[in-house]
Amino acid sequence: MESTNLRRRAKLIAKQCVMRNLMQVMGAVLVCMLPLMLTTSLVNNYLLTTGKVLLPMVLYLGSILLLVLPLLYGVMAFLSELLLVGNASILCAFDTLTSISLYLRSMRLGICIFVRTVLWLSIPFGVTTAYIYMVVSQNPQAAGQPEFFFQMVSQAVGLYTIISIPFTARVLCYLGAYPLMMRDPNLGAWQATRQSVRTLRGHWKAMIVFLVSFLGWELFGVWTMGIGMLFYWGYLLSAFLIYFQTVEQGDASPPKEDNIQ
């Protein structure tokens, strides 16, 4: 099966499934994002009152590692069951908080993917930082001017967005570790991420196109004050799970529409 047709079918089936279970999917994604949203509110208040940065950084990192990443495991389990069976309980998103062994397992996988993500995305970040340094060093007198500052920031954001696309697509390949670890309790986090990448070997360019094809939905999420991001993430993750499952099965047909009623 051509990667283009596979991508389109995966997106079509995922969109149908998400739309039929819209409130549940958006609710599950909200469960995962809620700790970060609450942390953001606390951090903003702390910064405004004290101006200190160290504690906010610790709070953000702790929120991601201890709550967001384990909850993401539950969200992926919820979406997998929804796509496979056709219905699932939103309570699946909390499964990792009901079992110590599952919580530790999900946190190990989350930390593994988090570290890999930081390493890969540090490359476009480094390039963007070097670009900013070069521009400022060439125009030291204009660096303090508001117009120059906003122009430089806009250029840096645009540069980072473009450069980070292939690296983000690489990170996306690691998400296949979630269904792999759910099926095999003996599989380690590092092994699962490596196996996920091996499964998608040769599909890296397809993952770039796959990621770019969701850009419109991401912009929609931003324009709707973040509410649309709940749909965007549910749609993106569901489509990826179908894509990964199909590739893993050797280009077998993805789940039929009849199975996601």
C-alpha atoms as a PDB file:
ATOM      1  CA  MET A   1       0.000   0.000   0.000  1.00  0.00           C
ATOM      2  CA  GLU A   2       1.399   3.424  -0.938  1.00  0.00           C
ATOM      3  CA  SER A   3       2.174   5.676   2.005  1.00  0.00           C
ATOM      4  CA  THR A   4      -0.072   8.402   0.563  1.00  0.00           C
ATOM      5  CA  ASN A   5      -3.098   6.120   0.442  1.00  0.00           C
ATOM      6  CA  LEU A   6      -2.232   4.727   3.861  1.00  0.00           C
ATOM      7  CA  ARG A   7      -2.036   8.208   5.332  1.00  0.00           C
ATOM      8  CA  ARG A   8      -5.343   9.250   3.808  1.00  0.00           C
ATOM      9  CA  ARG A   9      -7.133   6.115   4.963  1.00  0.00           C
ATOM     10  CA  ALA A  10      -5.686   6.409   8.449  1.00  0.00           C
ATOM     11  CA  LYS A  11      -6.824  10.024   8.701  1.00  0.00           C
ATOM     12  CA  LEU A  12     -10.278   9.238   7.303  1.00  0.00           C
ATOM     13  CA  ILE A  13     -10.942   6.374   9.717  1.00  0.00           C
ATOM     14  CA  ALA A  14      -9.497   8.307  12.662  1.00  0.00           C
ATOM     15  CA  LYS A  15     -11.615  11.352  11.865  1.00  0.00           C
ATOM     16  CA  GLN A  16     -14.771   9.247  11.644  1.00  0.00           C
ATOM     17  CA  CYS A  17     -14.005   7.563  14.951  1.00  0.00           C
ATOM     18  CA  VAL A  18     -13.139  10.804  16.740  1.00  0.00           C
ATOM     19  CA  MET A  19     -16.233  12.591  15.443  1.00  0.00           C
ATOM     20  CA  ARG A  20     -18.482   9.743  16.614  1.00  0.00           C
ATOM     21  CA  ASN A  21     -16.929   9.896  20.067  1.00  0.00           C
ATOM     22  CA  LEU A  22     -16.046  13.587  20.092  1.00  0.00           C
ATOM     23  CA  MET A  23     -16.832  14.461  23.703  1.00  0.00           C
ATOM     24  CA  GLN A  24     -15.073  11.370  25.068  1.00  0.00           C
ATOM     25  CA  VAL A  25     -11.960  11.966  22.976  1.00  0.00           C
ATOM     26  CA  MET A  26     -11.767  15.656  23.849  1.00  0.00           C
ATOM     27  CA  GLY A  27     -12.374  14.800  27.503  1.00  0.00           C
ATOM     28  CA  ALA A  28      -9.552  12.240  27.526  1.00  0.00           C
ATOM     29  CA  VAL A  29      -7.124  14.739  25.964  1.00  0.00           C
ATOM     30  CA  LEU A  30      -8.244  17.371  28.483  1.00  0.00           C
ATOM     31  CA  VAL A  31      -7.465  14.954  31.322  1.00  0.00           C
ATOM     32  CA  CYS A  32      -3.897  14.716  30.027  1.00  0.00           C
ATOM     33  CA  MET A  33      -3.493  18.473  29.515  1.00  0.00           C
ATOM     34  CA  LEU A  34      -5.171  19.595  32.744  1.00  0.00           C
ATOM     35  CA  PRO A  35      -2.115  19.177  35.038  1.00  0.00           C
ATOM     36  CA  LEU A  36      -0.045  21.331  32.686  1.00  0.00           C
ATOM     37  CA  MET A  37      -2.797  23.960  32.483  1.00  0.00           C
ATOM     38  CA  LEU A  38      -3.068  24.159  36.264  1.00  0.00           C
ATOM     39  CA  THR A  39       0.712  24.317  36.603  1.00  0.00           C
ATOM     40  CA  THR A  40       0.824  27.168  34.090  1.00  0.00           C
ATOM     41  CA  SER A  41      -1.650  29.148  36.159  1.00  0.00           C
ATOM     42  CA  LEU A  42       0.352  28.601  39.354  1.00  0.00           C
ATOM     43  CA  VAL A  43       3.639  29.428  37.638  1.00  0.00           C
ATOM     44  CA  ASN A  44       2.294  32.658  36.154  1.00  0.00           C
ATOM     45  CA  ASN A  45       1.083  33.836  39.552  1.00  0.00           C
ATOM     46  CA  TYR A  46       4.403  32.909  41.145  1.00  0.00           C
ATOM     47  CA  LEU A  47       6.430  34.722  38.480  1.00  0.00           C
ATOM     48  CA  LEU A  48       4.318  37.863  38.793  1.00  0.00           C
ATOM     49  CA  THR A  49       4.730  37.980  42.557  1.00  0.00           C
ATOM     50  CA  THR A  50       8.359  36.891  42.983  1.00  0.00           C
ATOM     51  CA  GLY A  51      10.076  37.073  39.591  1.00  0.00           C
ATOM     52  CA  LYS A  52      12.000  33.866  40.338  1.00  0.00           C
ATOM     53  CA  VAL A  53      12.433  31.303  37.562  1.00  0.00           C
ATOM     54  CA  LEU A  54      13.947  28.190  39.168  1.00  0.00           C
ATOM     55  CA  LEU A  55      10.849  26.952  41.011  1.00  0.00           C
ATOM     56  CA  PRO A  56       8.554  27.402  37.960  1.00  0.00           C
ATOM     57  CA  MET A  57      10.954  25.305  35.871  1.00  0.00           C
ATOM     58  CA  VAL A  58      10.917  22.569  38.523  1.00  0.00           C
ATOM     59  CA  LEU A  59       7.114  22.689  38.693  1.00  0.00           C
ATOM     60  CA  TYR A  60       6.782  22.407  34.900  1.00  0.00           C
ATOM     61  CA  LEU A  61       9.214  19.523  34.691  1.00  0.00           C
ATOM     62  CA  GLY A  62       7.587  17.723  37.623  1.00  0.00           C
ATOM     63  CA  SER A  63       4.118  18.196  36.158  1.00  0.00           C
ATOM     64  CA  ILE A  64       5.223  16.742  32.817  1.00  0.00           C
ATOM     65  CA  LEU A  65       7.159  13.786  34.190  1.00  0.00           C
ATOM     66  CA  LEU A  66       4.907  12.815  37.103  1.00  0.00           C
ATOM     67  CA  LEU A  67       1.438  13.488  35.696  1.00  0.00           C
ATOM     68  CA  VAL A  68       1.241  14.411  32.002  1.00  0.00           C
ATOM     69  CA  LEU A  69       3.355  11.552  30.663  1.00  0.00           C
ATOM     70  CA  PRO A  70       1.656   8.806  32.738  1.00  0.00           C
ATOM     71  CA  LEU A  71      -1.747  10.209  31.765  1.00  0.00           C
ATOM     72  CA  LEU A  72      -0.670  10.196  28.108  1.00  0.00           C
ATOM     73  CA  TYR A  73      -0.197   6.431  28.432  1.00  0.00           C
ATOM     74  CA  GLY A  74      -3.816   6.188  29.585  1.00  0.00           C
ATOM     75  CA  VAL A  75      -5.011   8.396  26.727  1.00  0.00           C
ATOM     76  CA  MET A  76      -3.198   6.217  24.189  1.00  0.00           C
ATOM     77  CA  ALA A  77      -4.782   3.129  25.774  1.00  0.00           C
ATOM     78  CA  PHE A  78      -8.200   4.783  25.532  1.00  0.00           C
ATOM     79  CA  LEU A  79      -7.723   5.708  21.868  1.00  0.00           C
ATOM     80  CA  SER A  80      -6.369   2.248  21.012  1.00  0.00           C
ATOM     81  CA  GLU A  81      -9.393   0.562  22.535  1.00  0.00           C
ATOM     82  CA  LEU A  82     -11.723   3.045  20.865  1.00  0.00           C
ATOM     83  CA  LEU A  83     -10.220   2.356  17.443  1.00  0.00           C
ATOM     84  CA  LEU A  84     -10.073  -1.409  17.926  1.00  0.00           C
ATOM     85  CA  VAL A  85     -13.408  -2.105  19.630  1.00  0.00           C
ATOM     86  CA  GLY A  86     -15.445   0.928  18.627  1.00  0.00           C
ATOM     87  CA  ASN A  87     -16.153   2.138  22.151  1.00  0.00           C
ATOM     88  CA  ALA A  88     -14.165   2.780  25.305  1.00  0.00           C
ATOM     89  CA  SER A  89     -14.572   4.372  28.699  1.00  0.00           C
ATOM     90  CA  ILE A  90     -12.887   7.693  29.339  1.00  0.00           C
ATOM     91  CA  LEU A  91     -11.861   6.228  32.692  1.00  0.00           C
ATOM     92  CA  CYS A  92      -9.122   4.367  30.787  1.00  0.00           C
ATOM     93  CA  ALA A  93      -7.197   7.641  30.834  1.00  0.00           C
ATOM     94  CA  PHE A  94      -6.862   7.276  34.622  1.00  0.00           C
ATOM     95  CA  ASP A  95      -5.717   3.636  34.602  1.00  0.00           C
ATOM     96  CA  THR A  96      -2.085   4.546  35.225  1.00  0.00           C
ATOM     97  CA  LEU A  97      -3.069   6.299  38.452  1.00  0.00           C
ATOM     98  CA  THR A  98      -4.792   3.205  39.844  1.00  0.00           C
ATOM     99  CA  SER A  99      -1.824   0.829  39.689  1.00  0.00           C
ATOM    100  CA  ILE A 100       1.675   1.521  40.989  1.00  0.00           C
ATOM    101  CA  SER A 101       3.308  -0.921  38.564  1.00  0.00           C
ATOM    102  CA  LEU A 102       1.443   0.538  35.591  1.00  0.00           C
ATOM    103  CA  TYR A 103       2.212   4.073  36.745  1.00  0.00           C
ATOM    104  CA  LEU A 104       5.939   3.339  36.970  1.00  0.00           C
ATOM    105  CA  ARG A 105       5.842   1.565  33.623  1.00  0.00           C
ATOM    106  CA  SER A 106       4.092   4.501  31.951  1.00  0.00           C
ATOM    107  CA  MET A 107       6.458   6.995  33.578  1.00  0.00           C
ATOM    108  CA  ARG A 108       9.531   5.076  32.358  1.00  0.00           C
ATOM    109  CA  LEU A 109       8.212   5.106  28.814  1.00  0.00           C
ATOM    110  CA  GLY A 110       7.233   8.758  29.096  1.00  0.00           C
ATOM    111  CA  ILE A 111      10.667   9.749  30.379  1.00  0.00           C
ATOM    112  CA  CYS A 112      12.350   7.745  27.611  1.00  0.00           C
ATOM    113  CA  ILE A 113      10.308   9.513  24.923  1.00  0.00           C
ATOM    114  CA  PHE A 114      10.773  12.860  26.684  1.00  0.00           C
ATOM    115  CA  VAL A 115      14.570  12.503  26.695  1.00  0.00           C
ATOM    116  CA  ARG A 116      14.609  11.473  23.048  1.00  0.00           C
ATOM    117  CA  THR A 117      12.348  14.416  22.214  1.00  0.00           C
ATOM    118  CA  VAL A 118      14.619  16.906  23.991  1.00  0.00           C
ATOM    119  CA  LEU A 119      17.677  15.507  22.222  1.00  0.00           C
ATOM    120  CA  TRP A 120      16.133  15.662  18.760  1.00  0.00           C
ATOM    121  CA  LEU A 121      14.499  19.082  19.166  1.00  0.00           C
ATOM    122  CA  SER A 122      17.682  20.548  20.632  1.00  0.00           C
ATOM    123  CA  ILE A 123      19.088  20.503  17.092  1.00  0.00           C
ATOM    124  CA  PRO A 124      16.619  23.020  15.559  1.00  0.00           C
ATOM    125  CA  PHE A 125      16.752  24.977  18.827  1.00  0.00           C
ATOM    126  CA  GLY A 126      20.534  25.218  18.538  1.00  0.00           C
ATOM    127  CA  VAL A 127      20.308  26.334  14.905  1.00  0.00           C
ATOM    128  CA  THR A 128      17.731  28.984  15.797  1.00  0.00           C
ATOM    129  CA  THR A 129      19.843  30.217  18.723  1.00  0.00           C
ATOM    130  CA  ALA A 130      22.884  30.475  16.453  1.00  0.00           C
ATOM    131  CA  TYR A 131      20.815  32.464  13.953  1.00  0.00           C
ATOM    132  CA  ILE A 132      19.668  34.904  16.655  1.00  0.00           C
ATOM    133  CA  TYR A 133      23.259  35.326  17.879  1.00  0.00           C
ATOM    134  CA  MET A 134      24.468  35.999  14.325  1.00  0.00           C
ATOM    135  CA  VAL A 135      21.754  38.608  13.673  1.00  0.00           C
ATOM    136  CA  VAL A 136      22.340  40.382  16.991  1.00  0.00           C
ATOM    137  CA  SER A 137      26.122  40.371  16.541  1.00  0.00           C
ATOM    138  CA  GLN A 138      25.754  41.968  13.111  1.00  0.00           C
ATOM    139  CA  ASN A 139      23.353  44.636  14.407  1.00  0.00           C
ATOM    140  CA  PRO A 140      24.349  45.280  18.047  1.00  0.00           C
ATOM    141  CA  GLN A 141      23.055  48.861  18.025  1.00  0.00           C
ATOM    142  CA  ALA A 142      19.620  47.884  16.689  1.00  0.00           C
ATOM    143  CA  ALA A 143      19.176  44.994  19.127  1.00  0.00           C
ATOM    144  CA  GLY A 144      17.460  47.222  21.687  1.00  0.00           C
ATOM    145  CA  GLN A 145      14.911  48.650  19.253  1.00  0.00           C
ATOM    146  CA  PRO A 146      11.364  47.222  19.603  1.00  0.00           C
ATOM    147  CA  GLU A 147      10.814  46.881  15.837  1.00  0.00           C
ATOM    148  CA  PHE A 148      14.072  45.012  15.374  1.00  0.00           C
ATOM    149  CA  PHE A 149      13.311  42.787  18.366  1.00  0.00           C
ATOM    150  CA  PHE A 150       9.854  41.745  17.151  1.00  0.00           C
ATOM    151  CA  GLN A 151      11.154  41.178  13.616  1.00  0.00           C
ATOM    152  CA  MET A 152      13.954  38.996  14.934  1.00  0.00           C
ATOM    153  CA  VAL A 153      11.549  36.994  17.121  1.00  0.00           C
ATOM    154  CA  SER A 154       9.174  36.446  14.185  1.00  0.00           C
ATOM    155  CA  GLN A 155      12.020  35.251  11.991  1.00  0.00           C
ATOM    156  CA  ALA A 156      13.344  32.957  14.730  1.00  0.00           C
ATOM    157  CA  VAL A 157       9.912  31.405  15.332  1.00  0.00           C
ATOM    158  CA  GLY A 158       9.412  30.838  11.612  1.00  0.00           C
ATOM    159  CA  LEU A 159      12.896  29.355  11.227  1.00  0.00           C
ATOM    160  CA  TYR A 160      12.436  27.035  14.199  1.00  0.00           C
ATOM    161  CA  THR A 161       9.008  25.899  12.976  1.00  0.00           C
ATOM    162  CA  ILE A 162      10.355  24.944   9.560  1.00  0.00           C
ATOM    163  CA  ILE A 163      13.560  23.291  10.768  1.00  0.00           C
ATOM    164  CA  SER A 164      11.826  21.362  13.562  1.00  0.00           C
ATOM    165  CA  ILE A 165       9.325  19.601  11.248  1.00  0.00           C
ATOM    166  CA  PRO A 166      11.570  16.645  10.240  1.00  0.00           C
ATOM    167  CA  PHE A 167      12.833  16.265  13.809  1.00  0.00           C
ATOM    168  CA  THR A 168       9.296  16.332  15.203  1.00  0.00           C
ATOM    169  CA  ALA A 169       8.349  13.665  12.656  1.00  0.00           C
ATOM    170  CA  ARG A 170      11.183  11.551  14.034  1.00  0.00           C
ATOM    171  CA  VAL A 171       9.831  12.031  17.557  1.00  0.00           C
ATOM    172  CA  LEU A 172       6.370  11.035  16.324  1.00  0.00           C
ATOM    173  CA  CYS A 173       7.770   7.642  15.369  1.00  0.00           C
ATOM    174  CA  TYR A 174       8.479   6.908  19.037  1.00  0.00           C
ATOM    175  CA  LEU A 175       4.760   7.021  19.894  1.00  0.00           C
ATOM    176  CA  GLY A 176       4.398   3.543  18.451  1.00  0.00           C
ATOM    177  CA  ALA A 177       6.050   2.368  21.670  1.00  0.00           C
ATOM    178  CA  TYR A 178       2.738   2.853  23.481  1.00  0.00           C
ATOM    179  CA  PRO A 179       0.749   0.112  21.714  1.00  0.00           C
ATOM    180  CA  LEU A 180       3.840  -2.116  21.759  1.00  0.00           C
ATOM    181  CA  MET A 181       4.207  -1.888  25.547  1.00  0.00           C
ATOM    182  CA  MET A 182       0.464  -2.294  26.075  1.00  0.00           C
ATOM    183  CA  ARG A 183       0.558  -5.624  24.252  1.00  0.00           C
ATOM    184  CA  ASP A 184       3.791  -6.888  25.802  1.00  0.00           C
ATOM    185  CA  PRO A 185       4.185  -6.262  29.573  1.00  0.00           C
ATOM    186  CA  ASN A 186       7.762  -7.585  29.449  1.00  0.00           C
ATOM    187  CA  LEU A 187       8.905  -5.048  26.871  1.00  0.00           C
ATOM    188  CA  GLY A 188      11.127  -2.298  28.261  1.00  0.00           C
ATOM    189  CA  ALA A 189      10.689   1.386  27.474  1.00  0.00           C
ATOM    190  CA  TRP A 190      13.969   1.742  25.574  1.00  0.00           C
ATOM    191  CA  GLN A 191      13.321  -1.454  23.610  1.00  0.00           C
ATOM    192  CA  ALA A 192       9.793  -0.314  22.773  1.00  0.00           C
ATOM    193  CA  THR A 193      10.942   3.015  21.350  1.00  0.00           C
ATOM    194  CA  ARG A 194      13.653   1.322  19.284  1.00  0.00           C
ATOM    195  CA  GLN A 195      11.193  -1.267  18.002  1.00  0.00           C
ATOM    196  CA  SER A 196       8.723   1.469  17.112  1.00  0.00           C
ATOM    197  CA  VAL A 197      11.344   3.259  15.026  1.00  0.00           C
ATOM    198  CA  ARG A 198      12.323  -0.019  13.326  1.00  0.00           C
ATOM    199  CA  THR A 199       8.690  -0.661  12.453  1.00  0.00           C
ATOM    200  CA  LEU A 200       8.423   2.746  10.778  1.00  0.00           C
ATOM    201  CA  ARG A 201      11.788   2.488   9.052  1.00  0.00           C
ATOM    202  CA  GLY A 202      11.393   3.846   5.548  1.00  0.00           C
ATOM    203  CA  HIS A 203       8.344   5.881   6.563  1.00  0.00           C
ATOM    204  CA  TRP A 204      10.190   8.922   7.913  1.00  0.00           C
ATOM    205  CA  LYS A 205       9.357  11.092   4.892  1.00  0.00           C
ATOM    206  CA  ALA A 206       5.769   9.888   5.091  1.00  0.00           C
ATOM    207  CA  MET A 207       5.724  10.942   8.757  1.00  0.00           C
ATOM    208  CA  ILE A 208       6.865  14.431   7.743  1.00  0.00           C
ATOM    209  CA  VAL A 209       3.984  14.699   5.271  1.00  0.00           C
ATOM    210  CA  PHE A 210       1.678  13.171   7.861  1.00  0.00           C
ATOM    211  CA  LEU A 211       2.663  15.824  10.411  1.00  0.00           C
ATOM    212  CA  VAL A 212       2.409  18.728   7.960  1.00  0.00           C
ATOM    213  CA  SER A 213      -1.050  17.581   6.859  1.00  0.00           C
ATOM    214  CA  PHE A 214      -2.313  18.370  10.377  1.00  0.00           C
ATOM    215  CA  LEU A 215      -0.976  21.936  10.339  1.00  0.00           C
ATOM    216  CA  GLY A 216      -4.393  23.375   9.473  1.00  0.00           C
ATOM    217  CA  TRP A 217      -6.005  21.629  12.429  1.00  0.00           C
ATOM    218  CA  GLU A 218      -3.222  22.862  14.707  1.00  0.00           C
ATOM    219  CA  LEU A 219      -3.820  26.447  13.580  1.00  0.00           C
ATOM    220  CA  PHE A 220      -7.535  25.911  14.145  1.00  0.00           C
ATOM    221  CA  GLY A 221      -6.741  24.821  17.702  1.00  0.00           C
ATOM    222  CA  VAL A 222      -4.699  27.980  18.295  1.00  0.00           C
ATOM    223  CA  TRP A 223      -7.373  30.250  16.805  1.00  0.00           C
ATOM    224  CA  THR A 224     -10.047  28.736  19.053  1.00  0.00           C
ATOM    225  CA  MET A 225      -8.093  29.707  22.203  1.00  0.00           C
ATOM    226  CA  GLY A 226      -6.827  26.163  22.640  1.00  0.00           C
ATOM    227  CA  ILE A 227     -10.219  24.435  22.668  1.00  0.00           C
ATOM    228  CA  GLY A 228      -9.669  23.037  19.185  1.00  0.00           C
ATOM    229  CA  MET A 229      -6.367  21.547  20.359  1.00  0.00           C
ATOM    230  CA  LEU A 230      -8.372  18.906  22.220  1.00  0.00           C
ATOM    231  CA  PHE A 231      -9.733  17.708  18.877  1.00  0.00           C
ATOM    232  CA  TYR A 232      -6.378  18.168  17.130  1.00  0.00           C
ATOM    233  CA  TRP A 233      -4.460  15.920  19.524  1.00  0.00           C
ATOM    234  CA  GLY A 234      -7.184  13.267  19.604  1.00  0.00           C
ATOM    235  CA  TYR A 235      -7.314  13.241  15.804  1.00  0.00           C
ATOM    236  CA  LEU A 236      -3.515  13.235  15.352  1.00  0.00           C
ATOM    237  CA  LEU A 237      -2.869  10.446  17.857  1.00  0.00           C
ATOM    238  CA  SER A 238      -5.741   8.318  16.532  1.00  0.00           C
ATOM    239  CA  ALA A 239      -4.542   8.643  12.939  1.00  0.00           C
ATOM    240  CA  PHE A 240      -1.000   7.766  13.986  1.00  0.00           C
ATOM    241  CA  LEU A 241      -2.174   4.652  15.858  1.00  0.00           C
ATOM    242  CA  ILE A 242      -4.018   3.431  12.759  1.00  0.00           C
ATOM    243  CA  TYR A 243      -1.034   4.224  10.534  1.00  0.00           C
ATOM    244  CA  PHE A 244       1.357   2.425  12.880  1.00  0.00           C
ATOM    245  CA  GLN A 245      -0.917  -0.605  13.231  1.00  0.00           C
ATOM    246  CA  THR A 246      -1.248  -0.935   9.475  1.00  0.00           C
ATOM    247  CA  VAL A 247       2.502  -0.702   8.875  1.00  0.00           C
ATOM    248  CA  GLU A 248       3.171  -3.132  11.717  1.00  0.00           C
ATOM    249  CA  GLN A 249       0.814  -5.678  10.186  1.00  0.00           C
ATOM    250  CA  GLY A 250       2.612  -5.484   6.867  1.00  0.00           C
ATOM    251  CA  ASP A 251       0.368  -3.089   5.002  1.00  0.00           C
ATOM    252  CA  ALA A 252      -2.718  -4.984   6.017  1.00  0.00           C
ATOM    253  CA  SER A 253      -5.943  -3.087   5.759  1.00  0.00           C
ATOM    254  CA  PRO A 254      -6.555  -0.702   8.645  1.00  0.00           C
ATOM    255  CA  PRO A 255      -9.662  -1.147  10.786  1.00  0.00           C
ATOM    256  CA  LYS A 256     -12.800  -1.005   8.704  1.00  0.00           C
ATOM    257  CA  GLU A 257     -15.274   1.815   9.194  1.00  0.00           C
ATOM    258  CA  ASP A 258     -17.829  -0.757  10.349  1.00  0.00           C
ATOM    259  CA  ASN A 259     -15.655  -1.590  13.348  1.00  0.00           C
ATOM    260  CA  ILE A 260     -15.702   1.945  14.712  1.00  0.00           C
ATOM    261  CA  GLN A 261     -19.429   2.493  14.810  1.00  0.00           C
END
